[in-house]
């Protein structure tokens, strides 16, 4: 394989980031046919298909390798310009973060990142069990993930655990859960899920009943705040982060059965001051939000945030 033409490699990266040949052309200030020709020429030089022309576009395994190289190249170029005091715009850092972290503690981490050098945050939201896939595909440089095993070429730092509670509105609890134990009544009650990747509710039911009993009625609400709103409106019960319960009139269905999801920070092994600054800010913010002792001091016991279920409904 001969040397890689950098303009073609950067064009491939633009196509992936913009998820379209037309939008990549606009960003690069060239025509869409020129973008297509560059990517095709790169594929011919490599001898492999790099990107599937779908909507949105998808990378092949070979394309993932090239995109990781392109990100590292652009990151090193920007850091070098900054170190030499040269001109340059803001550094762009693509980061994958799960929706519940994004809705609770993660933005406070970004607020603490120094203003210089300027950084543009390109946040991609996905389930915590799937954000590592975006790292593996080269679509992001760092991720908040539930995956402790390092993606190839990445380092891993444990951030802490996000605690979830099984909650419902008082009216929902009275309608669906009176007259029996929680283990008997909850499997038949409607549940709300974030999306089809979300298995927190099913895992809770398995722990509670020791059987596989998925809820017969399942609502999907793919937005973190709206998810809590759906529970508060009495649409269904659901697993809600403890950090989102303050000020909500919700019933904690099982105060003795919290569900803790360990979160990790994975990032590329790349000597980059902006990336290091973000990683440090994320680590500190997670320590404040996810550390159980500090969370207890800040929000009080979970019973202060939501009302505990009446005695006899915990399925003990």
C-alpha atoms as a PDB file:
ATOM      1  CA  UNK A   1       0.000   0.000   0.000  1.00  0.00           C
ATOM      2  CA  UNK A   2       1.446   3.376  -1.023  1.00  0.00           C
ATOM      3  CA  UNK A   3       1.416   6.556   1.029  1.00  0.00           C
ATOM      4  CA  UNK A   4      -2.025   7.819   1.989  1.00  0.00           C
ATOM      5  CA  UNK A   5      -3.113  11.125   0.393  1.00  0.00           C
ATOM      6  CA  UNK A   6      -4.075  13.219   3.408  1.00  0.00           C
ATOM      7  CA  UNK A   7      -6.749  15.190   1.563  1.00  0.00           C
ATOM      8  CA  UNK A   8      -8.522  11.932   0.756  1.00  0.00           C
ATOM      9  CA  UNK A   9      -8.225  10.716   4.357  1.00  0.00           C
ATOM     10  CA  UNK A  10      -9.643  14.013   5.662  1.00  0.00           C
ATOM     11  CA  UNK A  11     -12.471  13.788   3.145  1.00  0.00           C
ATOM     12  CA  UNK A  12     -13.408  10.335   4.439  1.00  0.00           C
ATOM     13  CA  UNK A  13     -13.482  11.749   7.981  1.00  0.00           C
ATOM     14  CA  UNK A  14     -15.764  14.595   6.870  1.00  0.00           C
ATOM     15  CA  UNK A  15     -18.163  12.132   5.237  1.00  0.00           C
ATOM     16  CA  UNK A  16     -18.352  10.105   8.443  1.00  0.00           C
ATOM     17  CA  UNK A  17     -18.776  13.137  10.723  1.00  0.00           C
ATOM     18  CA  UNK A  18     -21.421  14.735   8.533  1.00  0.00           C
ATOM     19  CA  UNK A  19     -23.079  11.372   7.738  1.00  0.00           C
ATOM     20  CA  UNK A  20     -23.546  12.461   4.137  1.00  0.00           C
ATOM     21  CA  UNK A  21     -21.485  13.108   1.014  1.00  0.00           C
ATOM     22  CA  UNK A  22     -23.462  16.295   0.317  1.00  0.00           C
ATOM     23  CA  UNK A  23     -22.955  17.748   3.809  1.00  0.00           C
ATOM     24  CA  UNK A  24     -19.275  16.790   3.717  1.00  0.00           C
ATOM     25  CA  UNK A  25     -18.955  18.685   0.433  1.00  0.00           C
ATOM     26  CA  UNK A  26     -20.446  21.796   2.045  1.00  0.00           C
ATOM     27  CA  UNK A  27     -18.023  21.596   4.981  1.00  0.00           C
ATOM     28  CA  UNK A  28     -15.028  21.064   2.692  1.00  0.00           C
ATOM     29  CA  UNK A  29     -16.199  23.743   0.198  1.00  0.00           C
ATOM     30  CA  UNK A  30     -16.070  21.358  -2.754  1.00  0.00           C
ATOM     31  CA  UNK A  31     -18.720  19.680  -4.890  1.00  0.00           C
ATOM     32  CA  UNK A  32     -20.383  16.368  -3.891  1.00  0.00           C
ATOM     33  CA  UNK A  33     -18.864  14.627  -6.957  1.00  0.00           C
ATOM     34  CA  UNK A  34     -15.408  15.747  -5.780  1.00  0.00           C
ATOM     35  CA  UNK A  35     -16.042  14.193  -2.357  1.00  0.00           C
ATOM     36  CA  UNK A  36     -17.207  10.958  -3.960  1.00  0.00           C
ATOM     37  CA  UNK A  37     -14.170  10.884  -6.254  1.00  0.00           C
ATOM     38  CA  UNK A  38     -11.753  11.378  -3.342  1.00  0.00           C
ATOM     39  CA  UNK A  39     -13.298   8.578  -1.305  1.00  0.00           C
ATOM     40  CA  UNK A  40     -13.385   6.281  -4.330  1.00  0.00           C
ATOM     41  CA  UNK A  41      -9.735   7.069  -5.097  1.00  0.00           C
ATOM     42  CA  UNK A  42      -8.789   6.269  -1.494  1.00  0.00           C
ATOM     43  CA  UNK A  43     -10.666   2.965  -1.678  1.00  0.00           C
ATOM     44  CA  UNK A  44      -8.859   2.096  -4.899  1.00  0.00           C
ATOM     45  CA  UNK A  45      -5.510   2.950  -3.330  1.00  0.00           C
ATOM     46  CA  UNK A  46      -6.283   0.832  -0.241  1.00  0.00           C
ATOM     47  CA  UNK A  47      -7.897  -1.914  -2.284  1.00  0.00           C
ATOM     48  CA  UNK A  48     -10.887  -2.150   0.053  1.00  0.00           C
ATOM     49  CA  UNK A  49     -14.344  -0.653   0.466  1.00  0.00           C
ATOM     50  CA  UNK A  50     -14.193   1.925   3.252  1.00  0.00           C
ATOM     51  CA  UNK A  51     -17.716   3.307   3.506  1.00  0.00           C
ATOM     52  CA  UNK A  52     -21.147   1.924   2.682  1.00  0.00           C
ATOM     53  CA  UNK A  53     -23.220   4.437   0.718  1.00  0.00           C
ATOM     54  CA  UNK A  54     -26.276   4.102   2.940  1.00  0.00           C
ATOM     55  CA  UNK A  55     -28.314   6.766   4.758  1.00  0.00           C
ATOM     56  CA  UNK A  56     -26.651   7.480   7.073  1.00  0.00           C
ATOM     57  CA  UNK A  57     -23.323   6.253   5.721  1.00  0.00           C
ATOM     58  CA  UNK A  58     -21.638   3.377   7.567  1.00  0.00           C
ATOM     59  CA  UNK A  59     -17.996   2.453   7.841  1.00  0.00           C
ATOM     60  CA  UNK A  60     -16.544  -0.937   7.046  1.00  0.00           C
ATOM     61  CA  UNK A  61     -13.869  -2.373   9.362  1.00  0.00           C
ATOM     62  CA  UNK A  62     -11.167  -0.981   7.063  1.00  0.00           C
ATOM     63  CA  UNK A  63     -12.916   2.381   7.091  1.00  0.00           C
ATOM     64  CA  UNK A  64     -12.883   2.401  10.892  1.00  0.00           C
ATOM     65  CA  UNK A  65      -9.092   1.993  10.839  1.00  0.00           C
ATOM     66  CA  UNK A  66      -8.688   4.913   8.412  1.00  0.00           C
ATOM     67  CA  UNK A  67     -11.047   7.162  10.377  1.00  0.00           C
ATOM     68  CA  UNK A  68      -9.153   6.531  13.625  1.00  0.00           C
ATOM     69  CA  UNK A  69      -5.954   7.496  11.822  1.00  0.00           C
ATOM     70  CA  UNK A  70      -7.616  10.637  10.419  1.00  0.00           C
ATOM     71  CA  UNK A  71      -8.822  11.749  13.857  1.00  0.00           C
ATOM     72  CA  UNK A  72      -5.422  11.211  15.402  1.00  0.00           C
ATOM     73  CA  UNK A  73      -3.812  13.126  12.554  1.00  0.00           C
ATOM     74  CA  UNK A  74      -6.116  16.131  12.835  1.00  0.00           C
ATOM     75  CA  UNK A  75      -5.812  16.118  16.622  1.00  0.00           C
ATOM     76  CA  UNK A  76      -2.007  16.116  16.486  1.00  0.00           C
ATOM     77  CA  UNK A  77      -2.008  18.882  13.878  1.00  0.00           C
ATOM     78  CA  UNK A  78      -4.246  21.100  16.004  1.00  0.00           C
ATOM     79  CA  UNK A  79      -2.218  20.463  19.172  1.00  0.00           C
ATOM     80  CA  UNK A  80       1.020  21.219  17.338  1.00  0.00           C
ATOM     81  CA  UNK A  81      -0.350  24.516  16.010  1.00  0.00           C
ATOM     82  CA  UNK A  82      -1.493  25.473  19.503  1.00  0.00           C
ATOM     83  CA  UNK A  83       1.904  24.580  21.017  1.00  0.00           C
ATOM     84  CA  UNK A  84       3.674  26.738  18.418  1.00  0.00           C
ATOM     85  CA  UNK A  85       1.330  29.643  18.999  1.00  0.00           C
ATOM     86  CA  UNK A  86       0.023  29.477  15.463  1.00  0.00           C
ATOM     87  CA  UNK A  87      -3.440  30.482  14.288  1.00  0.00           C
ATOM     88  CA  UNK A  88      -6.235  28.005  14.404  1.00  0.00           C
ATOM     89  CA  UNK A  89      -9.872  27.610  15.333  1.00  0.00           C
ATOM     90  CA  UNK A  90     -11.387  25.678  18.169  1.00  0.00           C
ATOM     91  CA  UNK A  91     -10.391  22.063  18.697  1.00  0.00           C
ATOM     92  CA  UNK A  92     -13.281  19.669  18.024  1.00  0.00           C
ATOM     93  CA  UNK A  93     -13.594  16.720  20.394  1.00  0.00           C
ATOM     94  CA  UNK A  94     -16.240  14.094  19.501  1.00  0.00           C
ATOM     95  CA  UNK A  95     -17.396  12.396  22.710  1.00  0.00           C
ATOM     96  CA  UNK A  96     -20.001   9.672  23.263  1.00  0.00           C
ATOM     97  CA  UNK A  97     -22.007   9.909  26.485  1.00  0.00           C
ATOM     98  CA  UNK A  98     -25.055   8.050  27.738  1.00  0.00           C
ATOM     99  CA  UNK A  99     -28.264  10.076  27.872  1.00  0.00           C
ATOM    100  CA  UNK A 100     -28.730   9.888  31.656  1.00  0.00           C
ATOM    101  CA  UNK A 101     -25.235  11.235  32.323  1.00  0.00           C
ATOM    102  CA  UNK A 102     -25.826  13.971  29.768  1.00  0.00           C
ATOM    103  CA  UNK A 103     -29.057  14.953  31.537  1.00  0.00           C
ATOM    104  CA  UNK A 104     -27.512  15.015  35.018  1.00  0.00           C
ATOM    105  CA  UNK A 105     -23.806  15.529  35.709  1.00  0.00           C
ATOM    106  CA  UNK A 106     -21.845  15.531  32.447  1.00  0.00           C
ATOM    107  CA  UNK A 107     -22.424  19.121  31.315  1.00  0.00           C
ATOM    108  CA  UNK A 108     -21.067  20.410  34.620  1.00  0.00           C
ATOM    109  CA  UNK A 109     -17.806  18.658  33.717  1.00  0.00           C
ATOM    110  CA  UNK A 110     -17.607  20.503  30.411  1.00  0.00           C
ATOM    111  CA  UNK A 111     -18.269  23.814  32.166  1.00  0.00           C
ATOM    112  CA  UNK A 112     -15.123  23.224  34.221  1.00  0.00           C
ATOM    113  CA  UNK A 113     -12.859  22.717  31.184  1.00  0.00           C
ATOM    114  CA  UNK A 114     -10.493  25.722  30.763  1.00  0.00           C
ATOM    115  CA  UNK A 115     -11.580  28.195  28.089  1.00  0.00           C
ATOM    116  CA  UNK A 116      -8.122  28.211  26.509  1.00  0.00           C
ATOM    117  CA  UNK A 117      -7.390  26.600  24.187  1.00  0.00           C
ATOM    118  CA  UNK A 118     -10.961  26.750  22.844  1.00  0.00           C
ATOM    119  CA  UNK A 119     -12.721  23.403  22.422  1.00  0.00           C
ATOM    120  CA  UNK A 120     -15.844  22.545  20.450  1.00  0.00           C
ATOM    121  CA  UNK A 121     -17.649  19.578  21.990  1.00  0.00           C
ATOM    122  CA  UNK A 122     -19.321  17.212  19.525  1.00  0.00           C
ATOM    123  CA  UNK A 123     -21.465  15.048  21.799  1.00  0.00           C
ATOM    124  CA  UNK A 124     -23.007  11.792  20.583  1.00  0.00           C
ATOM    125  CA  UNK A 125     -25.667  10.254  22.831  1.00  0.00           C
ATOM    126  CA  UNK A 126     -26.273   6.513  23.111  1.00  0.00           C
ATOM    127  CA  UNK A 127     -26.973   3.832  25.704  1.00  0.00           C
ATOM    128  CA  UNK A 128     -24.073   3.379  28.151  1.00  0.00           C
ATOM    129  CA  UNK A 129     -23.713  -0.234  26.997  1.00  0.00           C
ATOM    130  CA  UNK A 130     -23.190   0.894  23.391  1.00  0.00           C
ATOM    131  CA  UNK A 131     -21.106   4.093  23.523  1.00  0.00           C
ATOM    132  CA  UNK A 132     -17.927   1.998  23.317  1.00  0.00           C
ATOM    133  CA  UNK A 133     -19.023   0.924  19.830  1.00  0.00           C
ATOM    134  CA  UNK A 134     -18.668   4.544  18.676  1.00  0.00           C
ATOM    135  CA  UNK A 135     -15.096   4.514  20.005  1.00  0.00           C
ATOM    136  CA  UNK A 136     -14.331   1.278  18.202  1.00  0.00           C
ATOM    137  CA  UNK A 137     -15.689   2.669  14.957  1.00  0.00           C
ATOM    138  CA  UNK A 138     -13.539   5.788  15.248  1.00  0.00           C
ATOM    139  CA  UNK A 139     -16.562   8.088  15.423  1.00  0.00           C
ATOM    140  CA  UNK A 140     -15.515   9.568  18.794  1.00  0.00           C
ATOM    141  CA  UNK A 141     -12.264  10.065  20.690  1.00  0.00           C
ATOM    142  CA  UNK A 142     -13.674   9.424  24.170  1.00  0.00           C
ATOM    143  CA  UNK A 143     -16.772   7.935  25.752  1.00  0.00           C
ATOM    144  CA  UNK A 144     -18.667   7.515  29.002  1.00  0.00           C
ATOM    145  CA  UNK A 145     -19.467   3.828  28.880  1.00  0.00           C
ATOM    146  CA  UNK A 146     -20.492   0.845  30.985  1.00  0.00           C
ATOM    147  CA  UNK A 147     -17.779  -1.228  29.286  1.00  0.00           C
ATOM    148  CA  UNK A 148     -14.734  -1.817  31.530  1.00  0.00           C
ATOM    149  CA  UNK A 149     -12.753  -3.671  28.862  1.00  0.00           C
ATOM    150  CA  UNK A 150     -10.627  -1.147  26.951  1.00  0.00           C
ATOM    151  CA  UNK A 151     -11.345  -0.651  23.287  1.00  0.00           C
ATOM    152  CA  UNK A 152      -8.171  -1.286  21.287  1.00  0.00           C
ATOM    153  CA  UNK A 153      -5.936   1.765  21.511  1.00  0.00           C
ATOM    154  CA  UNK A 154      -7.829   3.256  24.476  1.00  0.00           C
ATOM    155  CA  UNK A 155      -7.307   3.746  28.195  1.00  0.00           C
ATOM    156  CA  UNK A 156     -10.021   3.164  30.817  1.00  0.00           C
ATOM    157  CA  UNK A 157     -10.770   5.054  34.051  1.00  0.00           C
ATOM    158  CA  UNK A 158     -13.589   4.078  36.404  1.00  0.00           C
ATOM    159  CA  UNK A 159     -15.844   7.074  37.092  1.00  0.00           C
ATOM    160  CA  UNK A 160     -18.242   5.654  39.671  1.00  0.00           C
ATOM    161  CA  UNK A 161     -21.747   4.200  39.670  1.00  0.00           C
ATOM    162  CA  UNK A 162     -25.014   5.785  38.613  1.00  0.00           C
ATOM    163  CA  UNK A 163     -27.734   4.615  40.972  1.00  0.00           C
ATOM    164  CA  UNK A 164     -31.208   3.893  39.601  1.00  0.00           C
ATOM    165  CA  UNK A 165     -34.472   3.482  41.485  1.00  0.00           C
ATOM    166  CA  UNK A 166     -37.621   1.643  40.420  1.00  0.00           C
ATOM    167  CA  UNK A 167     -40.246   4.378  40.717  1.00  0.00           C
ATOM    168  CA  UNK A 168     -43.813   5.196  39.741  1.00  0.00           C
ATOM    169  CA  UNK A 169     -46.377   7.905  40.380  1.00  0.00           C
ATOM    170  CA  UNK A 170     -48.537   7.472  43.509  1.00  0.00           C
ATOM    171  CA  UNK A 171     -51.620   6.987  41.333  1.00  0.00           C
ATOM    172  CA  UNK A 172     -49.913   4.333  39.205  1.00  0.00           C
ATOM    173  CA  UNK A 173     -48.715   2.476  42.315  1.00  0.00           C
ATOM    174  CA  UNK A 174     -52.202   2.509  43.806  1.00  0.00           C
ATOM    175  CA  UNK A 175     -53.773   1.250  40.584  1.00  0.00           C
ATOM    176  CA  UNK A 176     -51.312  -1.461  39.618  1.00  0.00           C
ATOM    177  CA  UNK A 177     -49.474  -2.537  42.771  1.00  0.00           C
ATOM    178  CA  UNK A 178     -52.072  -2.669  45.569  1.00  0.00           C
ATOM    179  CA  UNK A 179     -53.285  -6.061  46.728  1.00  0.00           C
ATOM    180  CA  UNK A 180     -50.122  -8.111  46.518  1.00  0.00           C
ATOM    181  CA  UNK A 181     -46.359  -8.167  46.745  1.00  0.00           C
ATOM    182  CA  UNK A 182     -44.251  -6.185  44.316  1.00  0.00           C
ATOM    183  CA  UNK A 183     -42.864  -9.414  42.835  1.00  0.00           C
ATOM    184  CA  UNK A 184     -46.408 -10.555  42.065  1.00  0.00           C
ATOM    185  CA  UNK A 185     -47.831  -7.298  40.726  1.00  0.00           C
ATOM    186  CA  UNK A 186     -45.026  -5.415  38.980  1.00  0.00           C
ATOM    187  CA  UNK A 187     -44.408  -7.861  36.073  1.00  0.00           C
ATOM    188  CA  UNK A 188     -47.983  -7.255  34.869  1.00  0.00           C
ATOM    189  CA  UNK A 189     -47.724  -3.464  35.073  1.00  0.00           C
ATOM    190  CA  UNK A 190     -46.799  -1.212  32.102  1.00  0.00           C
ATOM    191  CA  UNK A 191     -43.129  -0.224  31.970  1.00  0.00           C
ATOM    192  CA  UNK A 192     -41.345   2.626  30.227  1.00  0.00           C
ATOM    193  CA  UNK A 193     -38.012   1.997  28.473  1.00  0.00           C
ATOM    194  CA  UNK A 194     -35.609   4.499  26.983  1.00  0.00           C
ATOM    195  CA  UNK A 195     -35.238   2.532  23.739  1.00  0.00           C
ATOM    196  CA  UNK A 196     -34.864  -1.053  22.583  1.00  0.00           C
ATOM    197  CA  UNK A 197     -31.315  -1.216  23.929  1.00  0.00           C
ATOM    198  CA  UNK A 198     -32.519  -0.378  27.459  1.00  0.00           C
ATOM    199  CA  UNK A 199     -32.694  -3.504  29.611  1.00  0.00           C
ATOM    200  CA  UNK A 200     -32.614  -1.897  33.083  1.00  0.00           C
ATOM    201  CA  UNK A 201     -36.299  -2.591  33.701  1.00  0.00           C
ATOM    202  CA  UNK A 202     -36.031  -6.241  32.629  1.00  0.00           C
ATOM    203  CA  UNK A 203     -32.927  -6.741  34.752  1.00  0.00           C
ATOM    204  CA  UNK A 204     -34.730  -5.293  37.765  1.00  0.00           C
ATOM    205  CA  UNK A 205     -37.667  -7.667  37.237  1.00  0.00           C
ATOM    206  CA  UNK A 206     -35.299 -10.646  36.999  1.00  0.00           C
ATOM    207  CA  UNK A 207     -33.652  -9.644  40.287  1.00  0.00           C
ATOM    208  CA  UNK A 208     -37.052  -9.159  41.901  1.00  0.00           C
ATOM    209  CA  UNK A 209     -38.767 -12.329  40.685  1.00  0.00           C
ATOM    210  CA  UNK A 210     -35.789 -14.537  39.750  1.00  0.00           C
ATOM    211  CA  UNK A 211     -37.640 -15.228  36.514  1.00  0.00           C
ATOM    212  CA  UNK A 212     -37.733 -13.745  33.021  1.00  0.00           C
ATOM    213  CA  UNK A 213     -40.967 -11.806  33.062  1.00  0.00           C
ATOM    214  CA  UNK A 214     -40.782  -8.836  30.683  1.00  0.00           C
ATOM    215  CA  UNK A 215     -43.566  -6.284  31.086  1.00  0.00           C
ATOM    216  CA  UNK A 216     -46.444  -6.991  28.683  1.00  0.00           C
ATOM    217  CA  UNK A 217     -46.946  -3.273  27.930  1.00  0.00           C
ATOM    218  CA  UNK A 218     -43.743  -1.405  27.072  1.00  0.00           C
ATOM    219  CA  UNK A 219     -43.566   2.295  26.226  1.00  0.00           C
ATOM    220  CA  UNK A 220     -40.441   3.744  24.577  1.00  0.00           C
ATOM    221  CA  UNK A 221     -39.449   7.314  25.448  1.00  0.00           C
ATOM    222  CA  UNK A 222     -35.957   8.062  24.030  1.00  0.00           C
ATOM    223  CA  UNK A 223     -35.187  11.258  25.968  1.00  0.00           C
ATOM    224  CA  UNK A 224     -33.924  11.281  29.528  1.00  0.00           C
ATOM    225  CA  UNK A 225     -36.045  14.122  30.935  1.00  0.00           C
ATOM    226  CA  UNK A 226     -39.154  13.011  29.019  1.00  0.00           C
ATOM    227  CA  UNK A 227     -38.602   9.482  30.359  1.00  0.00           C
ATOM    228  CA  UNK A 228     -38.975  10.797  33.925  1.00  0.00           C
ATOM    229  CA  UNK A 229     -41.933  12.930  32.858  1.00  0.00           C
ATOM    230  CA  UNK A 230     -43.646   9.805  31.496  1.00  0.00           C
ATOM    231  CA  UNK A 231     -43.179   8.035  34.834  1.00  0.00           C
ATOM    232  CA  UNK A 232     -44.402  11.070  36.783  1.00  0.00           C
ATOM    233  CA  UNK A 233     -47.469  11.304  34.513  1.00  0.00           C
ATOM    234  CA  UNK A 234     -48.480   7.774  35.529  1.00  0.00           C
ATOM    235  CA  UNK A 235     -47.866   6.225  32.111  1.00  0.00           C
ATOM    236  CA  UNK A 236     -45.741   3.401  33.549  1.00  0.00           C
ATOM    237  CA  UNK A 237     -43.071   2.522  36.085  1.00  0.00           C
ATOM    238  CA  UNK A 238     -39.405   2.812  35.216  1.00  0.00           C
ATOM    239  CA  UNK A 239     -35.808   2.842  36.420  1.00  0.00           C
ATOM    240  CA  UNK A 240     -34.854   6.481  37.009  1.00  0.00           C
ATOM    241  CA  UNK A 241     -31.435   7.819  38.055  1.00  0.00           C
ATOM    242  CA  UNK A 242     -31.419   8.914  41.665  1.00  0.00           C
ATOM    243  CA  UNK A 243     -29.917  12.198  40.468  1.00  0.00           C
ATOM    244  CA  UNK A 244     -33.186  12.978  38.641  1.00  0.00           C
ATOM    245  CA  UNK A 245     -35.569  12.317  41.523  1.00  0.00           C
ATOM    246  CA  UNK A 246     -35.224  15.544  43.496  1.00  0.00           C
ATOM    247  CA  UNK A 247     -38.472  17.502  43.465  1.00  0.00           C
ATOM    248  CA  UNK A 248     -40.472  14.655  41.928  1.00  0.00           C
ATOM    249  CA  UNK A 249     -43.560  13.213  43.634  1.00  0.00           C
ATOM    250  CA  UNK A 250     -42.715   9.598  42.919  1.00  0.00           C
ATOM    251  CA  UNK A 251     -42.950   6.365  44.867  1.00  0.00           C
ATOM    252  CA  UNK A 252     -39.776   4.321  45.366  1.00  0.00           C
ATOM    253  CA  UNK A 253     -41.173   0.852  44.743  1.00  0.00           C
ATOM    254  CA  UNK A 254     -38.225  -1.005  46.256  1.00  0.00           C
ATOM    255  CA  UNK A 255     -36.112   1.219  48.551  1.00  0.00           C
ATOM    256  CA  UNK A 256     -33.894  -1.733  49.446  1.00  0.00           C
ATOM    257  CA  UNK A 257     -33.217  -2.670  45.797  1.00  0.00           C
ATOM    258  CA  UNK A 258     -31.313   0.119  44.038  1.00  0.00           C
ATOM    259  CA  UNK A 259     -29.616  -0.728  40.748  1.00  0.00           C
ATOM    260  CA  UNK A 260     -26.081   0.584  40.337  1.00  0.00           C
ATOM    261  CA  UNK A 261     -24.560   0.912  36.866  1.00  0.00           C
ATOM    262  CA  UNK A 262     -20.774   1.334  36.850  1.00  0.00           C
ATOM    263  CA  UNK A 263     -19.540   3.973  34.396  1.00  0.00           C
ATOM    264  CA  UNK A 264     -16.096   4.301  32.836  1.00  0.00           C
ATOM    265  CA  UNK A 265     -14.239   6.913  30.819  1.00  0.00           C
ATOM    266  CA  UNK A 266     -12.502   5.481  27.773  1.00  0.00           C
ATOM    267  CA  UNK A 267     -10.326   7.625  25.533  1.00  0.00           C
ATOM    268  CA  UNK A 268      -7.746   7.188  22.842  1.00  0.00           C
ATOM    269  CA  UNK A 269      -4.114   6.812  23.884  1.00  0.00           C
ATOM    270  CA  UNK A 270      -3.199  10.178  22.456  1.00  0.00           C
ATOM    271  CA  UNK A 271      -1.017  12.899  23.959  1.00  0.00           C
ATOM    272  CA  UNK A 272      -3.478  15.762  23.547  1.00  0.00           C
ATOM    273  CA  UNK A 273      -3.733  18.643  26.068  1.00  0.00           C
ATOM    274  CA  UNK A 274      -7.408  19.389  25.221  1.00  0.00           C
ATOM    275  CA  UNK A 275      -8.380  15.734  25.596  1.00  0.00           C
ATOM    276  CA  UNK A 276      -6.428  15.502  28.865  1.00  0.00           C
ATOM    277  CA  UNK A 277      -8.182  18.625  30.200  1.00  0.00           C
ATOM    278  CA  UNK A 278     -11.603  17.186  29.394  1.00  0.00           C
ATOM    279  CA  UNK A 279     -10.719  13.823  30.957  1.00  0.00           C
ATOM    280  CA  UNK A 280      -9.634  15.525  34.200  1.00  0.00           C
ATOM    281  CA  UNK A 281     -12.820  17.610  34.350  1.00  0.00           C
ATOM    282  CA  UNK A 282     -14.981  14.539  33.692  1.00  0.00           C
ATOM    283  CA  UNK A 283     -13.195  12.548  36.389  1.00  0.00           C
ATOM    284  CA  UNK A 284     -13.747  15.284  38.999  1.00  0.00           C
ATOM    285  CA  UNK A 285     -17.398  15.892  38.090  1.00  0.00           C
ATOM    286  CA  UNK A 286     -18.133  12.160  38.152  1.00  0.00           C
ATOM    287  CA  UNK A 287     -16.459  11.906  41.551  1.00  0.00           C
ATOM    288  CA  UNK A 288     -18.862  14.513  42.919  1.00  0.00           C
ATOM    289  CA  UNK A 289     -22.001  13.134  41.248  1.00  0.00           C
ATOM    290  CA  UNK A 290     -21.464   9.388  41.291  1.00  0.00           C
ATOM    291  CA  UNK A 291     -19.592   8.828  44.540  1.00  0.00           C
ATOM    292  CA  UNK A 292     -22.166   7.313  46.974  1.00  0.00           C
ATOM    293  CA  UNK A 293     -20.928   9.172  50.079  1.00  0.00           C
ATOM    294  CA  UNK A 294     -20.952  12.556  48.349  1.00  0.00           C
ATOM    295  CA  UNK A 295     -24.288  11.836  46.705  1.00  0.00           C
ATOM    296  CA  UNK A 296     -25.764  10.999  50.123  1.00  0.00           C
ATOM    297  CA  UNK A 297     -24.531  14.320  51.532  1.00  0.00           C
ATOM    298  CA  UNK A 298     -25.900  16.330  48.627  1.00  0.00           C
ATOM    299  CA  UNK A 299     -29.342  14.786  48.100  1.00  0.00           C
ATOM    300  CA  UNK A 300     -30.049  13.044  51.391  1.00  0.00           C
ATOM    301  CA  UNK A 301     -31.308   9.490  51.578  1.00  0.00           C
ATOM    302  CA  UNK A 302     -33.296   8.253  48.591  1.00  0.00           C
ATOM    303  CA  UNK A 303     -36.413   8.355  50.766  1.00  0.00           C
ATOM    304  CA  UNK A 304     -36.042  12.138  50.916  1.00  0.00           C
ATOM    305  CA  UNK A 305     -36.078  12.365  47.146  1.00  0.00           C
ATOM    306  CA  UNK A 306     -39.064  10.090  46.583  1.00  0.00           C
ATOM    307  CA  UNK A 307     -41.644   8.497  48.812  1.00  0.00           C
ATOM    308  CA  UNK A 308     -40.961   4.910  49.768  1.00  0.00           C
ATOM    309  CA  UNK A 309     -43.497   2.317  48.774  1.00  0.00           C
ATOM    310  CA  UNK A 310     -45.936   1.226  51.464  1.00  0.00           C
ATOM    311  CA  UNK A 311     -44.808  -1.656  53.613  1.00  0.00           C
ATOM    312  CA  UNK A 312     -45.649  -5.026  52.059  1.00  0.00           C
ATOM    313  CA  UNK A 313     -45.072  -3.883  48.476  1.00  0.00           C
ATOM    314  CA  UNK A 314     -41.365  -4.534  48.282  1.00  0.00           C
ATOM    315  CA  UNK A 315     -41.557  -8.216  47.343  1.00  0.00           C
ATOM    316  CA  UNK A 316     -39.183  -9.305  50.069  1.00  0.00           C
END
